[in-house]
């Protein structure tokens, strides 16, 4: 998949509260609210929710690594 497709998948998963893969978590690090608004047509609230879900997934992934 192209990077834009990956970002669309991240947006979709964040709206449906699904877990991210390691690759998706890595891609989240490049996202910003302004990028989601400008490049993907999200509202400020939607973009903020996507970034929040990315942060939660990153924390969850870090906790899983610590427990292993």
C-alpha atoms as a PDB file:
ATOM      1  CA  UNK A   1       0.000   0.000   0.000  1.00  0.00           C
ATOM      2  CA  UNK A   2       1.072   3.542  -0.617  1.00  0.00           C
ATOM      3  CA  UNK A   3       1.691   5.811   2.337  1.00  0.00           C
ATOM      4  CA  UNK A   4      -1.551   7.725   1.724  1.00  0.00           C
ATOM      5  CA  UNK A   5      -3.460   4.439   1.850  1.00  0.00           C
ATOM      6  CA  UNK A   6      -1.716   3.601   5.126  1.00  0.00           C
ATOM      7  CA  UNK A   7      -2.775   6.931   6.622  1.00  0.00           C
ATOM      8  CA  UNK A   8      -6.369   6.340   5.492  1.00  0.00           C
ATOM      9  CA  UNK A   9      -6.228   2.942   7.211  1.00  0.00           C
ATOM     10  CA  UNK A  10      -4.921   4.600  10.386  1.00  0.00           C
ATOM     11  CA  UNK A  11      -7.767   7.125  10.256  1.00  0.00           C
ATOM     12  CA  UNK A  12     -10.334   4.349   9.770  1.00  0.00           C
ATOM     13  CA  UNK A  13      -8.918   2.242  12.583  1.00  0.00           C
ATOM     14  CA  UNK A  14      -8.837   5.193  14.948  1.00  0.00           C
ATOM     15  CA  UNK A  15     -12.494   6.002  14.283  1.00  0.00           C
ATOM     16  CA  UNK A  16     -13.452   2.375  14.924  1.00  0.00           C
ATOM     17  CA  UNK A  17     -11.041   2.061  17.897  1.00  0.00           C
ATOM     18  CA  UNK A  18      -9.103  -0.877  16.434  1.00  0.00           C
ATOM     19  CA  UNK A  19      -5.542  -1.786  17.391  1.00  0.00           C
ATOM     20  CA  UNK A  20      -2.681  -0.698  15.165  1.00  0.00           C
ATOM     21  CA  UNK A  21       0.118  -2.845  13.788  1.00  0.00           C
ATOM     22  CA  UNK A  22       3.742  -1.976  14.530  1.00  0.00           C
ATOM     23  CA  UNK A  23       4.045  -0.412  11.061  1.00  0.00           C
ATOM     24  CA  UNK A  24       0.984   1.781  11.651  1.00  0.00           C
ATOM     25  CA  UNK A  25       2.332   2.904  15.022  1.00  0.00           C
ATOM     26  CA  UNK A  26       5.539   3.937  13.276  1.00  0.00           C
ATOM     27  CA  UNK A  27       3.594   5.901  10.665  1.00  0.00           C
ATOM     28  CA  UNK A  28       1.644   7.690  13.391  1.00  0.00           C
ATOM     29  CA  UNK A  29       4.856   9.394  14.475  1.00  0.00           C
ATOM     30  CA  UNK A  30       4.850  11.353  11.199  1.00  0.00           C
ATOM     31  CA  UNK A  31       1.260  12.556  11.545  1.00  0.00           C
ATOM     32  CA  UNK A  32       0.107  15.905  12.845  1.00  0.00           C
ATOM     33  CA  UNK A  33      -3.270  17.548  13.260  1.00  0.00           C
ATOM     34  CA  UNK A  34      -2.521  20.045  10.499  1.00  0.00           C
ATOM     35  CA  UNK A  35      -1.399  17.292   8.100  1.00  0.00           C
ATOM     36  CA  UNK A  36      -4.607  15.340   8.702  1.00  0.00           C
ATOM     37  CA  UNK A  37      -6.704  18.460   8.123  1.00  0.00           C
ATOM     38  CA  UNK A  38      -4.881  19.638   4.996  1.00  0.00           C
ATOM     39  CA  UNK A  39      -4.012  16.346   3.288  1.00  0.00           C
ATOM     40  CA  UNK A  40      -6.981  14.203   4.303  1.00  0.00           C
ATOM     41  CA  UNK A  41      -9.838  16.666   4.786  1.00  0.00           C
ATOM     42  CA  UNK A  42     -10.552  15.931   8.439  1.00  0.00           C
ATOM     43  CA  UNK A  43     -12.038  18.466  10.814  1.00  0.00           C
ATOM     44  CA  UNK A  44      -9.972  19.662  13.755  1.00  0.00           C
ATOM     45  CA  UNK A  45     -11.952  17.439  16.139  1.00  0.00           C
ATOM     46  CA  UNK A  46     -11.541  14.364  13.928  1.00  0.00           C
ATOM     47  CA  UNK A  47      -7.815  14.997  13.494  1.00  0.00           C
ATOM     48  CA  UNK A  48      -7.396  15.452  17.233  1.00  0.00           C
ATOM     49  CA  UNK A  49      -9.190  12.152  17.860  1.00  0.00           C
ATOM     50  CA  UNK A  50      -6.905  10.352  15.390  1.00  0.00           C
ATOM     51  CA  UNK A  51      -3.784  11.752  17.062  1.00  0.00           C
ATOM     52  CA  UNK A  52      -5.141  10.820  20.491  1.00  0.00           C
ATOM     53  CA  UNK A  53      -5.785   7.248  19.366  1.00  0.00           C
ATOM     54  CA  UNK A  54      -2.269   7.074  17.882  1.00  0.00           C
ATOM     55  CA  UNK A  55      -0.832   8.151  21.235  1.00  0.00           C
ATOM     56  CA  UNK A  56      -2.908   5.579  23.096  1.00  0.00           C
ATOM     57  CA  UNK A  57      -1.780   2.829  20.735  1.00  0.00           C
ATOM     58  CA  UNK A  58       1.857   3.853  21.176  1.00  0.00           C
ATOM     59  CA  UNK A  59       1.515   3.670  24.963  1.00  0.00           C
ATOM     60  CA  UNK A  60      -0.242   0.307  24.738  1.00  0.00           C
ATOM     61  CA  UNK A  61       2.509  -1.036  22.475  1.00  0.00           C
ATOM     62  CA  UNK A  62       5.194   0.175  24.904  1.00  0.00           C
ATOM     63  CA  UNK A  63       3.429  -1.529  27.818  1.00  0.00           C
ATOM     64  CA  UNK A  64       3.221  -4.795  25.898  1.00  0.00           C
ATOM     65  CA  UNK A  65       6.959  -4.632  25.172  1.00  0.00           C
ATOM     66  CA  UNK A  66       7.781  -4.012  28.831  1.00  0.00           C
ATOM     67  CA  UNK A  67       5.725  -7.011  29.942  1.00  0.00           C
ATOM     68  CA  UNK A  68       7.416  -9.348  27.455  1.00  0.00           C
END
